[in-house]
């Protein structure tokens, strides 16, 4: 995943008139500044756009409310990135409507021939999120334990259980692909074994018939 553009609206300390962050203008960047100036917010915006995850209060199940700019009712993050020769765009929104909230998620891929984005969005937000994660082949937990370290959680990976660390490393190294290939090989082997059993059964029948060949010849003579 190569970041291309990040645009924020009412996200943490960022308001409505914020210039997009153009990643094509640099190869390496260093974010510096005093506390509370929005350095970590840019990274939170990236993870929230892609996975719907970011900093949150301990009692909250989702990060949405904690990320909304104080005094505002809606927020949006647009994230454009390149992956394996294709360009994708994710637009995630969150808004407060009276006493409830509303979330939105769009996933698109750029069509170079028509010079426009084509929707990859699924009927539900959950399915769309699954499609994004499947496209990237990395989930939030794997990301924050490999390419990205959360502020104040540098020991995130070491605090995981042995099983969880194994799962994270498996995702990073793409070992699940080998599991898929192993399952395909086992399935193919079962099919071949079934074919062999069918052929062997047929051969056994043929051998039995050949053993009775003289008997059949005698019967034919009698009938003649």
Protein backbone atom coordinates (compact mmCIF):
# COMPACT_ATOMS: atom_id res chain seq x y z
CA UNK A 1 0.00 0.00 0.00
CA UNK A 2 1.51 3.32 -1.16
CA UNK A 3 -0.32 6.39 0.22
CA UNK A 4 -1.24 9.03 -2.37
CA UNK A 5 -3.63 11.47 -0.69
CA UNK A 6 -5.25 11.98 2.71
CA UNK A 7 -8.08 14.48 3.18
CA UNK A 8 -9.71 15.20 6.56
CA UNK A 9 -12.84 17.00 7.66
CA UNK A 10 -13.69 17.57 11.35
CA UNK A 11 -11.28 14.84 12.39
CA UNK A 12 -9.82 15.41 15.87
CA UNK A 13 -8.00 18.77 15.78
CA UNK A 14 -8.59 19.24 12.05
CA UNK A 15 -11.60 21.31 11.01
CA UNK A 16 -13.42 21.72 7.70
CA UNK A 17 -11.00 23.83 5.62
CA UNK A 18 -7.97 21.57 5.72
CA UNK A 19 -5.67 21.15 2.73
CA UNK A 20 -5.25 17.50 1.67
CA UNK A 21 -1.97 15.79 2.42
CA UNK A 22 -0.31 14.92 -0.92
CA UNK A 23 2.07 12.01 -0.42
CA UNK A 24 3.38 12.26 -3.99
CA UNK A 25 5.39 15.35 -3.03
CA UNK A 26 7.84 13.43 -0.86
CA UNK A 27 9.37 10.00 -0.29
CA UNK A 28 10.28 10.29 3.39
CA UNK A 29 8.54 12.56 5.90
CA UNK A 30 9.14 13.53 9.50
CA UNK A 31 6.23 14.90 11.54
CA UNK A 32 7.42 17.28 14.24
CA UNK A 33 5.70 19.74 16.53
CA UNK A 34 4.36 20.30 20.02
CA UNK A 35 1.85 18.01 21.68
CA UNK A 36 -1.70 18.44 20.45
CA UNK A 37 -0.79 19.87 17.05
CA UNK A 38 -2.24 16.93 15.11
CA UNK A 39 0.75 14.74 14.29
CA UNK A 40 -0.77 11.50 15.56
CA UNK A 41 -4.17 12.56 14.21
CA UNK A 42 -2.90 12.13 10.65
CA UNK A 43 -1.96 8.53 11.40
CA UNK A 44 -5.26 7.96 13.21
CA UNK A 45 -7.03 9.31 10.13
CA UNK A 46 -5.29 6.77 7.93
CA UNK A 47 -6.18 3.78 10.10
CA UNK A 48 -9.73 5.03 10.66
CA UNK A 49 -10.30 5.46 6.92
CA UNK A 50 -8.98 2.01 6.09
CA UNK A 51 -10.17 -0.08 9.05
CA UNK A 52 -12.50 2.18 11.04
CA UNK A 53 -10.03 2.01 13.94
CA UNK A 54 -8.12 4.68 15.85
CA UNK A 55 -7.66 6.15 19.31
CA UNK A 56 -10.71 5.77 21.51
CA UNK A 57 -11.84 6.08 25.09
CA UNK A 58 -11.42 2.86 27.06
CA UNK A 59 -15.16 2.44 27.54
CA UNK A 60 -15.99 2.78 23.85
CA UNK A 61 -16.29 -0.16 21.49
CA UNK A 62 -15.63 1.99 18.41
CA UNK A 63 -13.35 4.97 17.90
CA UNK A 64 -15.84 7.13 15.97
CA UNK A 65 -17.08 9.39 18.80
CA UNK A 66 -13.58 9.96 20.13
CA UNK A 67 -12.33 11.08 16.72
CA UNK A 68 -15.08 13.59 15.92
CA UNK A 69 -13.92 17.20 16.31
CA UNK A 70 -15.42 18.81 19.42
CA UNK A 71 -18.57 20.76 18.63
CA UNK A 72 -19.10 19.16 15.21
CA UNK A 73 -21.75 16.71 14.03
CA UNK A 74 -20.03 14.98 11.12
CA UNK A 75 -16.56 13.98 9.99
CA UNK A 76 -15.02 12.46 6.89
CA UNK A 77 -11.68 11.04 5.83
CA UNK A 78 -10.74 10.33 2.23
CA UNK A 79 -7.71 8.14 1.61
CA UNK A 80 -6.24 7.35 -1.81
CA UNK A 81 -3.52 4.74 -2.21
CA UNK A 82 -1.80 2.62 -4.84
CA UNK A 83 -1.55 -1.15 -4.61
CA UNK A 84 -0.02 -3.52 -7.15
CA UNK A 85 -0.55 -1.17 -10.09
CA UNK A 86 -4.08 -0.08 -9.18
CA UNK A 87 -5.29 3.09 -7.47
CA UNK A 88 -7.97 2.87 -4.78
CA UNK A 89 -10.01 5.39 -2.83
CA UNK A 90 -11.69 4.94 0.54
CA UNK A 91 -14.16 7.49 1.92
CA UNK A 92 -15.33 6.90 5.47
CA UNK A 93 -17.90 9.16 7.16
CA UNK A 94 -19.47 9.46 10.58
CA UNK A 95 -22.25 11.78 11.72
CA UNK A 96 -24.38 12.37 14.79
CA UNK A 97 -28.10 12.46 14.10
CA UNK A 98 -30.07 13.53 17.18
CA UNK A 99 -29.38 10.78 19.75
CA UNK A 100 -28.03 8.26 17.26
CA UNK A 101 -25.13 8.08 14.83
CA UNK A 102 -24.65 7.13 11.20
CA UNK A 103 -21.59 5.64 9.52
CA UNK A 104 -20.73 5.42 5.84
CA UNK A 105 -18.01 3.68 3.85
CA UNK A 106 -17.19 3.81 0.15
CA UNK A 107 -14.52 1.76 -1.61
CA UNK A 108 -13.53 2.58 -5.19
CA UNK A 109 -10.91 1.68 -7.79
CA UNK A 110 -9.67 4.05 -10.49
CA UNK A 111 -10.41 3.15 -14.11
CA UNK A 112 -7.65 4.63 -16.25
CA UNK A 113 -9.52 4.17 -19.53
CA UNK A 114 -12.56 6.17 -18.39
CA UNK A 115 -10.52 8.39 -16.04
CA UNK A 116 -12.96 7.87 -13.17
CA UNK A 117 -13.42 5.85 -10.01
CA UNK A 118 -15.59 2.73 -10.10
CA UNK A 119 -17.44 1.66 -6.97
CA UNK A 120 -16.41 -1.53 -5.18
CA UNK A 121 -18.75 -0.78 -2.28
CA UNK A 122 -20.82 -3.71 -1.03
CA UNK A 123 -24.45 -3.57 0.21
CA UNK A 124 -23.36 -3.40 3.86
CA UNK A 125 -20.58 -1.56 5.69
CA UNK A 126 -19.32 -4.83 7.16
CA UNK A 127 -19.01 -6.47 3.74
CA UNK A 128 -17.29 -3.38 2.34
CA UNK A 129 -14.80 -3.46 5.22
CA UNK A 130 -14.11 -7.13 4.57
CA UNK A 131 -13.47 -6.33 0.90
CA UNK A 132 -10.99 -3.57 1.83
CA UNK A 133 -9.13 -5.85 4.25
CA UNK A 134 -9.07 -8.66 1.70
CA UNK A 135 -7.73 -6.29 -0.98
CA UNK A 136 -4.95 -5.06 1.31
CA UNK A 137 -4.32 -8.54 2.73
CA UNK A 138 -3.64 -7.01 6.14
CA UNK A 139 -5.94 -6.23 9.05
CA UNK A 140 -5.68 -3.47 11.66
CA UNK A 141 -3.99 -5.57 14.35
CA UNK A 142 -1.35 -6.79 11.93
CA UNK A 143 -0.75 -3.23 10.68
CA UNK A 144 -0.21 -1.72 14.14
CA UNK A 145 2.16 -4.54 15.03
CA UNK A 146 4.30 -4.29 11.92
CA UNK A 147 4.33 -1.19 9.71
CA UNK A 148 2.84 1.20 12.25
CA UNK A 149 3.35 1.63 15.99
CA UNK A 150 0.68 3.37 18.04
CA UNK A 151 1.72 6.22 20.30
CA UNK A 152 2.46 4.92 23.80
CA UNK A 153 2.07 1.29 22.66
CA UNK A 154 5.54 0.43 21.39
CA UNK A 155 5.33 -2.91 23.23
CA UNK A 156 2.05 -3.85 21.54
CA UNK A 157 3.53 -6.92 19.83
CA UNK A 158 5.46 -8.19 22.86
CA UNK A 159 2.32 -7.98 25.03
CA UNK A 160 0.48 -10.38 22.74
CA UNK A 161 0.13 -14.04 23.59
CA UNK A 162 2.25 -16.60 21.74
CA UNK A 163 -0.74 -17.60 19.62
CA UNK A 164 -1.53 -13.98 18.73
CA UNK A 165 2.10 -13.25 17.81
CA UNK A 166 2.13 -16.32 15.60
CA UNK A 167 -1.05 -15.16 13.85
CA UNK A 168 0.38 -11.66 13.30
CA UNK A 169 3.64 -13.00 11.86
CA UNK A 170 1.66 -15.38 9.69
CA UNK A 171 -0.30 -12.44 8.25
CA UNK A 172 2.85 -10.36 7.70
CA UNK A 173 4.66 -13.19 5.91
CA UNK A 174 1.58 -14.25 3.98
CA UNK A 175 1.70 -17.77 5.37
CA UNK A 176 -2.07 -18.08 5.04
CA UNK A 177 -1.50 -18.39 1.28
CA UNK A 178 0.45 -21.58 1.89
CA UNK A 179 -2.41 -22.90 4.03
CA UNK A 180 -4.75 -22.24 1.12
CA UNK A 181 -2.41 -24.05 -1.27
CA UNK A 182 -2.12 -26.97 1.17
CA UNK A 183 -5.91 -27.23 1.38
CA UNK A 184 -6.16 -27.14 -2.42
CA UNK A 185 -3.54 -29.88 -2.66
CA UNK A 186 -5.42 -32.03 -0.13
CA UNK A 187 -8.67 -31.50 -2.02
CA UNK A 188 -7.00 -32.43 -5.31
CA UNK A 189 -5.47 -35.51 -3.68
CA UNK A 190 -8.89 -36.63 -2.45
CA UNK A 191 -10.29 -36.27 -5.97
CA UNK A 192 -7.42 -38.30 -7.43
CA UNK A 193 -7.84 -41.00 -4.77
CA UNK A 194 -11.55 -41.23 -5.58
CA UNK A 195 -10.72 -41.63 -9.27
CA UNK A 196 -8.13 -44.31 -8.47
CA UNK A 197 -10.63 -46.20 -6.28
CA UNK A 198 -13.20 -46.09 -9.07
CA UNK A 199 -10.66 -47.33 -11.61
CA UNK A 200 -9.49 -50.11 -9.28
CA UNK A 201 -13.08 -51.20 -8.72
CA UNK A 202 -13.60 -51.29 -12.48
CA UNK A 203 -10.39 -53.30 -12.98
CA UNK A 204 -11.45 -55.79 -10.31
CA UNK A 205 -14.73 -56.31 -12.15
CA UNK A 206 -12.88 -56.82 -15.43
CA UNK A 207 -10.50 -59.36 -13.84
CA UNK A 208 -13.48 -61.27 -12.43
CA UNK A 209 -15.11 -61.35 -15.84
CA UNK A 210 -11.85 -62.54 -17.43
CA UNK A 211 -11.64 -65.34 -14.86
CA UNK A 212 -15.10 -66.48 -15.98
CA UNK A 213 -14.19 -66.29 -19.67
CA UNK A 214 -13.96 -70.08 -20.15
CA UNK A 215 -17.29 -70.52 -18.40
CA UNK A 216 -18.92 -68.02 -20.77
CA UNK A 217 -17.40 -69.77 -23.77
CA UNK A 218 -18.88 -73.09 -22.67
CA UNK A 219 -22.28 -71.49 -22.22
CA UNK A 220 -22.10 -70.02 -25.71
CA UNK A 221 -21.27 -73.45 -27.15
CA UNK A 222 -24.22 -75.00 -25.35
CA UNK A 223 -26.55 -72.34 -26.70
CA UNK A 224 -25.18 -72.80 -30.18
